């Protein structure tokens, strides 16, 4: 019986050993190459993140420069409008006041109406200077641009108002000239 048992055991062992593949063998070179590849892609990702951060910073700087340029452009236009306003007041007021058709009691009224525009323009320039030089109520650039845009519109309106006043006074002068010609004409009846 011992022999039968030994024979069965040998047959079982032999049959099982023929079926098995044995211990799997791993090639460590593939694993090392995969690790190196992962490390390299991590380095590239890190560099890409640095590049994205740099580009965002540059974009913010460009936006700041554009904002400053918009502000400067508006300030230049406001300054040009105010310069035009001052020159118009200086020249037109002198021309109107020197007219022989303006009465002496009207001179102060005319001067005051022109001077009030100059006073408003000077206040606006001081306000604009305050906006640009101080951190006026912690304003953002876009809020500052909106205020400057309003100032620009206001300066244009003042120039238009001055031109209307000038036209009105010129029309008064023309009417008085015409009235004088009519009164001084000779009748040939």
C-alpha atoms as a PDB file:
ATOM      1  CA  UNK A   1       0.000   0.000   0.000  1.00  0.00           C
ATOM      2  CA  UNK A   2       2.860   2.188   0.658  1.00  0.00           C
ATOM      3  CA  UNK A   3       3.999   1.717  -2.849  1.00  0.00           C
ATOM      4  CA  UNK A   4       0.615   2.608  -4.285  1.00  0.00           C
ATOM      5  CA  UNK A   5       0.420   5.651  -2.129  1.00  0.00           C
ATOM      6  CA  UNK A   6       3.916   6.687  -3.193  1.00  0.00           C
ATOM      7  CA  UNK A   7       3.089   6.078  -6.811  1.00  0.00           C
ATOM      8  CA  UNK A   8      -0.085   8.210  -6.659  1.00  0.00           C
ATOM      9  CA  UNK A   9       1.812  10.955  -4.919  1.00  0.00           C
ATOM     10  CA  UNK A  10       4.510  10.934  -7.609  1.00  0.00           C
ATOM     11  CA  UNK A  11       1.893  11.011 -10.362  1.00  0.00           C
ATOM     12  CA  UNK A  12       0.061  13.926  -8.727  1.00  0.00           C
ATOM     13  CA  UNK A  13       3.235  15.864  -8.183  1.00  0.00           C
ATOM     14  CA  UNK A  14       4.448  15.199 -11.659  1.00  0.00           C
ATOM     15  CA  UNK A  15       1.183  16.215 -13.225  1.00  0.00           C
ATOM     16  CA  UNK A  16       0.960  19.443 -11.212  1.00  0.00           C
ATOM     17  CA  UNK A  17       4.536  20.424 -11.943  1.00  0.00           C
ATOM     18  CA  UNK A  18       3.967  19.995 -15.649  1.00  0.00           C
ATOM     19  CA  UNK A  19       1.033  22.372 -15.641  1.00  0.00           C
ATOM     20  CA  UNK A  20       2.542  25.225 -13.668  1.00  0.00           C
ATOM     21  CA  UNK A  21       4.463  27.976 -15.320  1.00  0.00           C
ATOM     22  CA  UNK A  22       6.745  28.649 -12.470  1.00  0.00           C
ATOM     23  CA  UNK A  23       7.524  31.940 -10.727  1.00  0.00           C
ATOM     24  CA  UNK A  24       6.803  35.054 -12.761  1.00  0.00           C
ATOM     25  CA  UNK A  25       9.861  37.129 -13.564  1.00  0.00           C
ATOM     26  CA  UNK A  26       9.582  40.941 -13.671  1.00  0.00           C
ATOM     27  CA  UNK A  27      11.748  43.119 -15.830  1.00  0.00           C
ATOM     28  CA  UNK A  28      12.736  46.066 -13.609  1.00  0.00           C
ATOM     29  CA  UNK A  29      13.957  48.125 -16.577  1.00  0.00           C
ATOM     30  CA  UNK A  30      10.392  48.839 -17.706  1.00  0.00           C
ATOM     31  CA  UNK A  31       9.417  49.960 -14.213  1.00  0.00           C
ATOM     32  CA  UNK A  32      12.457  52.254 -13.967  1.00  0.00           C
ATOM     33  CA  UNK A  33      11.733  53.728 -17.419  1.00  0.00           C
ATOM     34  CA  UNK A  34       8.118  54.396 -16.373  1.00  0.00           C
ATOM     35  CA  UNK A  35       9.323  56.137 -13.197  1.00  0.00           C
ATOM     36  CA  UNK A  36      11.761  58.288 -15.161  1.00  0.00           C
ATOM     37  CA  UNK A  37       9.013  59.170 -17.623  1.00  0.00           C
ATOM     38  CA  UNK A  38       6.686  60.231 -14.792  1.00  0.00           C
ATOM     39  CA  UNK A  39       9.392  62.372 -13.191  1.00  0.00           C
ATOM     40  CA  UNK A  40      10.145  64.064 -16.528  1.00  0.00           C
ATOM     41  CA  UNK A  41       6.470  64.827 -17.207  1.00  0.00           C
ATOM     42  CA  UNK A  42       6.151  66.263 -13.672  1.00  0.00           C
ATOM     43  CA  UNK A  43       9.089  68.589 -14.411  1.00  0.00           C
ATOM     44  CA  UNK A  44       7.454  69.682 -17.683  1.00  0.00           C
ATOM     45  CA  UNK A  45       4.131  70.278 -15.917  1.00  0.00           C
ATOM     46  CA  UNK A  46       5.923  72.364 -13.295  1.00  0.00           C
ATOM     47  CA  UNK A  47       7.569  74.444 -16.023  1.00  0.00           C
ATOM     48  CA  UNK A  48       4.215  74.886 -17.799  1.00  0.00           C
ATOM     49  CA  UNK A  49       2.633  76.100 -14.548  1.00  0.00           C
ATOM     50  CA  UNK A  50       5.464  78.602 -14.109  1.00  0.00           C
ATOM     51  CA  UNK A  51       4.946  79.787 -17.703  1.00  0.00           C
ATOM     52  CA  UNK A  52       1.188  80.186 -17.148  1.00  0.00           C
ATOM     53  CA  UNK A  53       1.834  82.188 -13.973  1.00  0.00           C
ATOM     54  CA  UNK A  54       4.342  84.394 -15.800  1.00  0.00           C
ATOM     55  CA  UNK A  55       1.897  84.984 -18.672  1.00  0.00           C
ATOM     56  CA  UNK A  56      -0.883  85.913 -16.234  1.00  0.00           C
ATOM     57  CA  UNK A  57       1.419  88.428 -14.552  1.00  0.00           C
ATOM     58  CA  UNK A  58       2.341  89.915 -17.927  1.00  0.00           C
ATOM     59  CA  UNK A  59      -1.322  90.122 -18.914  1.00  0.00           C
ATOM     60  CA  UNK A  60      -2.106  91.996 -15.678  1.00  0.00           C
ATOM     61  CA  UNK A  61       0.775  94.398 -16.340  1.00  0.00           C
ATOM     62  CA  UNK A  62      -0.460  95.011 -19.901  1.00  0.00           C
ATOM     63  CA  UNK A  63      -3.982  95.663 -18.595  1.00  0.00           C
ATOM     64  CA  UNK A  64      -2.577  98.137 -16.065  1.00  0.00           C
ATOM     65  CA  UNK A  65      -0.620  99.927 -18.787  1.00  0.00           C
ATOM     66  CA  UNK A  66      -3.729 100.043 -21.001  1.00  0.00           C
ATOM     67  CA  UNK A  67      -5.713 101.461 -18.111  1.00  0.00           C
ATOM     68  CA  UNK A  68      -3.093 104.136 -17.479  1.00  0.00           C
ATOM     69  CA  UNK A  69      -3.024 104.978 -21.191  1.00  0.00           C
ATOM     70  CA  UNK A  70      -6.818 105.352 -21.245  1.00  0.00           C
ATOM     71  CA  UNK A  71      -6.617 107.630 -18.217  1.00  0.00           C
ATOM     72  CA  UNK A  72      -3.868 109.714 -19.803  1.00  0.00           C
ATOM     73  CA  UNK A  73      -5.809 109.993 -23.051  1.00  0.00           C
ATOM     74  CA  UNK A  74      -8.878 111.225 -21.177  1.00  0.00           C
ATOM     75  CA  UNK A  75      -6.808 113.638 -19.109  1.00  0.00           C
ATOM     76  CA  UNK A  76      -5.257 114.996 -22.300  1.00  0.00           C
ATOM     77  CA  UNK A  77      -8.685 115.496 -23.874  1.00  0.00           C
ATOM     78  CA  UNK A  78     -10.040 117.155 -20.732  1.00  0.00           C
ATOM     79  CA  UNK A  79      -6.990 119.417 -20.630  1.00  0.00           C
ATOM     80  CA  UNK A  80      -7.415 120.306 -24.314  1.00  0.00           C
ATOM     81  CA  UNK A  81     -11.098 121.099 -23.744  1.00  0.00           C
ATOM     82  CA  UNK A  82     -10.230 123.313 -20.783  1.00  0.00           C
ATOM     83  CA  UNK A  83      -7.466 125.028 -22.746  1.00  0.00           C
ATOM     84  CA  UNK A  84      -9.943 125.670 -25.539  1.00  0.00           C
ATOM     85  CA  UNK A  85     -12.406 126.971 -22.962  1.00  0.00           C
ATOM     86  CA  UNK A  86      -9.848 129.385 -21.476  1.00  0.00           C
ATOM     87  CA  UNK A  87      -8.798 130.668 -24.886  1.00  0.00           C
ATOM     88  CA  UNK A  88     -12.403 131.145 -25.961  1.00  0.00           C
ATOM     89  CA  UNK A  89     -13.223 133.043 -22.795  1.00  0.00           C
ATOM     90  CA  UNK A  90     -10.148 135.197 -23.145  1.00  0.00           C
ATOM     91  CA  UNK A  91     -10.682 136.066 -26.807  1.00  0.00           C
ATOM     92  CA  UNK A  92     -14.457 136.002 -27.095  1.00  0.00           C
ATOM     93  CA  UNK A  93     -15.121 137.849 -23.871  1.00  0.00           C
ATOM     94  CA  UNK A  94     -12.754 140.629 -24.916  1.00  0.00           C
ATOM     95  CA  UNK A  95     -14.385 140.806 -28.347  1.00  0.00           C
ATOM     96  CA  UNK A  96     -17.907 140.940 -26.901  1.00  0.00           C
ATOM     97  CA  UNK A  97     -17.090 143.438 -24.157  1.00  0.00           C
ATOM     98  CA  UNK A  98     -15.214 145.734 -26.571  1.00  0.00           C
ATOM     99  CA  UNK A  99     -18.213 145.903 -28.863  1.00  0.00           C
ATOM    100  CA  UNK A 100     -19.818 149.357 -28.921  1.00  0.00           C
ATOM    101  CA  UNK A 101     -23.225 147.660 -28.893  1.00  0.00           C
ATOM    102  CA  UNK A 102     -22.785 146.235 -25.391  1.00  0.00           C
ATOM    103  CA  UNK A 103     -24.033 148.524 -22.674  1.00  0.00           C
ATOM    104  CA  UNK A 104     -21.868 149.287 -19.656  1.00  0.00           C
ATOM    105  CA  UNK A 105     -24.343 147.710 -17.223  1.00  0.00           C
ATOM    106  CA  UNK A 106     -24.237 144.440 -19.213  1.00  0.00           C
ATOM    107  CA  UNK A 107     -20.466 144.015 -18.954  1.00  0.00           C
ATOM    108  CA  UNK A 108     -20.515 142.597 -15.406  1.00  0.00           C
ATOM    109  CA  UNK A 109     -23.300 140.137 -16.245  1.00  0.00           C
ATOM    110  CA  UNK A 110     -21.481 138.930 -19.345  1.00  0.00           C
ATOM    111  CA  UNK A 111     -18.166 138.651 -17.497  1.00  0.00           C
ATOM    112  CA  UNK A 112     -19.784 136.747 -14.641  1.00  0.00           C
ATOM    113  CA  UNK A 113     -21.431 134.252 -16.996  1.00  0.00           C
ATOM    114  CA  UNK A 114     -18.113 133.516 -18.707  1.00  0.00           C
ATOM    115  CA  UNK A 115     -16.159 133.481 -15.443  1.00  0.00           C
ATOM    116  CA  UNK A 116     -18.562 131.002 -13.870  1.00  0.00           C
ATOM    117  CA  UNK A 117     -17.611 128.502 -16.587  1.00  0.00           C
ATOM    118  CA  UNK A 118     -13.931 129.108 -15.904  1.00  0.00           C
ATOM    119  CA  UNK A 119     -14.486 128.555 -12.169  1.00  0.00           C
ATOM    120  CA  UNK A 120     -16.249 125.257 -12.852  1.00  0.00           C
ATOM    121  CA  UNK A 121     -13.441 124.201 -15.187  1.00  0.00           C
ATOM    122  CA  UNK A 122     -10.829 124.989 -12.521  1.00  0.00           C
ATOM    123  CA  UNK A 123     -12.766 123.012  -9.904  1.00  0.00           C
ATOM    124  CA  UNK A 124     -12.976 120.097 -12.321  1.00  0.00           C
ATOM    125  CA  UNK A 125      -9.223 120.228 -12.921  1.00  0.00           C
ATOM    126  CA  UNK A 126      -8.555 120.187  -9.178  1.00  0.00           C
ATOM    127  CA  UNK A 127     -10.953 117.267  -8.762  1.00  0.00           C
ATOM    128  CA  UNK A 128      -9.282 115.423 -11.632  1.00  0.00           C
ATOM    129  CA  UNK A 129      -5.868 116.007 -10.080  1.00  0.00           C
ATOM    130  CA  UNK A 130      -7.183 114.578  -6.803  1.00  0.00           C
ATOM    131  CA  UNK A 131      -8.493 111.506  -8.585  1.00  0.00           C
ATOM    132  CA  UNK A 132      -5.197 110.836 -10.309  1.00  0.00           C
ATOM    133  CA  UNK A 133      -2.715 111.669  -7.559  1.00  0.00           C
ATOM    134  CA  UNK A 134      -4.358 110.117  -4.525  1.00  0.00           C
ATOM    135  CA  UNK A 135      -5.887 106.729  -4.055  1.00  0.00           C
ATOM    136  CA  UNK A 136      -9.268 108.447  -4.129  1.00  0.00           C
ATOM    137  CA  UNK A 137     -11.508 106.239  -1.971  1.00  0.00           C
ATOM    138  CA  UNK A 138      -9.502 103.146  -2.979  1.00  0.00           C
ATOM    139  CA  UNK A 139     -10.837 103.318  -6.507  1.00  0.00           C
ATOM    140  CA  UNK A 140     -10.047 100.736  -9.124  1.00  0.00           C
ATOM    141  CA  UNK A 141      -8.735 101.820 -12.499  1.00  0.00           C
ATOM    142  CA  UNK A 142     -12.084 101.140 -14.149  1.00  0.00           C
ATOM    143  CA  UNK A 143     -13.896 103.325 -11.583  1.00  0.00           C
ATOM    144  CA  UNK A 144     -11.309 106.057 -12.096  1.00  0.00           C
ATOM    145  CA  UNK A 145     -11.805 105.805 -15.873  1.00  0.00           C
ATOM    146  CA  UNK A 146     -15.568 106.186 -15.430  1.00  0.00           C
ATOM    147  CA  UNK A 147     -15.060 109.350 -13.369  1.00  0.00           C
ATOM    148  CA  UNK A 148     -12.641 110.730 -15.927  1.00  0.00           C
ATOM    149  CA  UNK A 149     -15.125 109.918 -18.690  1.00  0.00           C
ATOM    150  CA  UNK A 150     -17.750 111.957 -16.830  1.00  0.00           C
ATOM    151  CA  UNK A 151     -15.248 114.808 -16.467  1.00  0.00           C
ATOM    152  CA  UNK A 152     -14.508 114.634 -20.181  1.00  0.00           C
ATOM    153  CA  UNK A 153     -18.216 114.845 -21.020  1.00  0.00           C
ATOM    154  CA  UNK A 154     -18.605 117.744 -18.615  1.00  0.00           C
ATOM    155  CA  UNK A 155     -15.686 119.624 -20.177  1.00  0.00           C
ATOM    156  CA  UNK A 156     -17.232 119.125 -23.630  1.00  0.00           C
ATOM    157  CA  UNK A 157     -20.554 120.433 -22.330  1.00  0.00           C
ATOM    158  CA  UNK A 158     -18.861 123.521 -20.926  1.00  0.00           C
ATOM    159  CA  UNK A 159     -17.200 124.228 -24.271  1.00  0.00           C
ATOM    160  CA  UNK A 160     -20.571 123.815 -25.990  1.00  0.00           C
ATOM    161  CA  UNK A 161     -22.240 126.078 -23.435  1.00  0.00           C
ATOM    162  CA  UNK A 162     -19.571 128.718 -23.932  1.00  0.00           C
ATOM    163  CA  UNK A 163     -20.069 128.557 -27.685  1.00  0.00           C
ATOM    164  CA  UNK A 164     -23.850 128.975 -27.210  1.00  0.00           C
ATOM    165  CA  UNK A 165     -23.319 131.990 -24.960  1.00  0.00           C
ATOM    166  CA  UNK A 166     -20.913 133.485 -27.448  1.00  0.00           C
ATOM    167  CA  UNK A 167     -23.430 132.989 -30.290  1.00  0.00           C
ATOM    168  CA  UNK A 168     -26.205 134.492 -28.186  1.00  0.00           C
ATOM    169  CA  UNK A 169     -24.150 137.597 -27.400  1.00  0.00           C
ATOM    170  CA  UNK A 170     -23.046 137.874 -31.027  1.00  0.00           C
ATOM    171  CA  UNK A 171     -26.694 137.698 -32.077  1.00  0.00           C
ATOM    172  CA  UNK A 172     -27.527 140.453 -29.586  1.00  0.00           C
ATOM    173  CA  UNK A 173     -24.712 142.558 -31.029  1.00  0.00           C
ATOM    174  CA  UNK A 174     -25.873 141.886 -34.620  1.00  0.00           C
ATOM    175  CA  UNK A 175     -29.439 142.735 -33.680  1.00  0.00           C
ATOM    176  CA  UNK A 176     -28.316 145.995 -32.105  1.00  0.00           C
ATOM    177  CA  UNK A 177     -26.221 146.850 -35.180  1.00  0.00           C
ATOM    178  CA  UNK A 178     -29.190 146.197 -37.407  1.00  0.00           C
ATOM    179  CA  UNK A 179     -31.432 148.213 -35.097  1.00  0.00           C
ATOM    180  CA  UNK A 180     -28.960 151.113 -35.227  1.00  0.00           C
ATOM    181  CA  UNK A 181     -28.827 150.980 -39.044  1.00  0.00           C
ATOM    182  CA  UNK A 182     -32.598 150.999 -39.235  1.00  0.00           C
ATOM    183  CA  UNK A 183     -32.853 153.952 -36.861  1.00  0.00           C
ATOM    184  CA  UNK A 184     -30.163 155.930 -38.683  1.00  0.00           C
ATOM    185  CA  UNK A 185     -31.368 155.379 -42.220  1.00  0.00           C
ATOM    186  CA  UNK A 186     -32.548 158.316 -44.210  1.00  0.00           C
ATOM    187  CA  UNK A 187     -36.044 158.307 -45.427  1.00  0.00           C
ATOM    188  CA  UNK A 188     -36.450 159.419 -48.993  1.00  0.00           C
ATOM    189  CA  UNK A 189     -40.197 160.202 -48.994  1.00  0.00           C
END
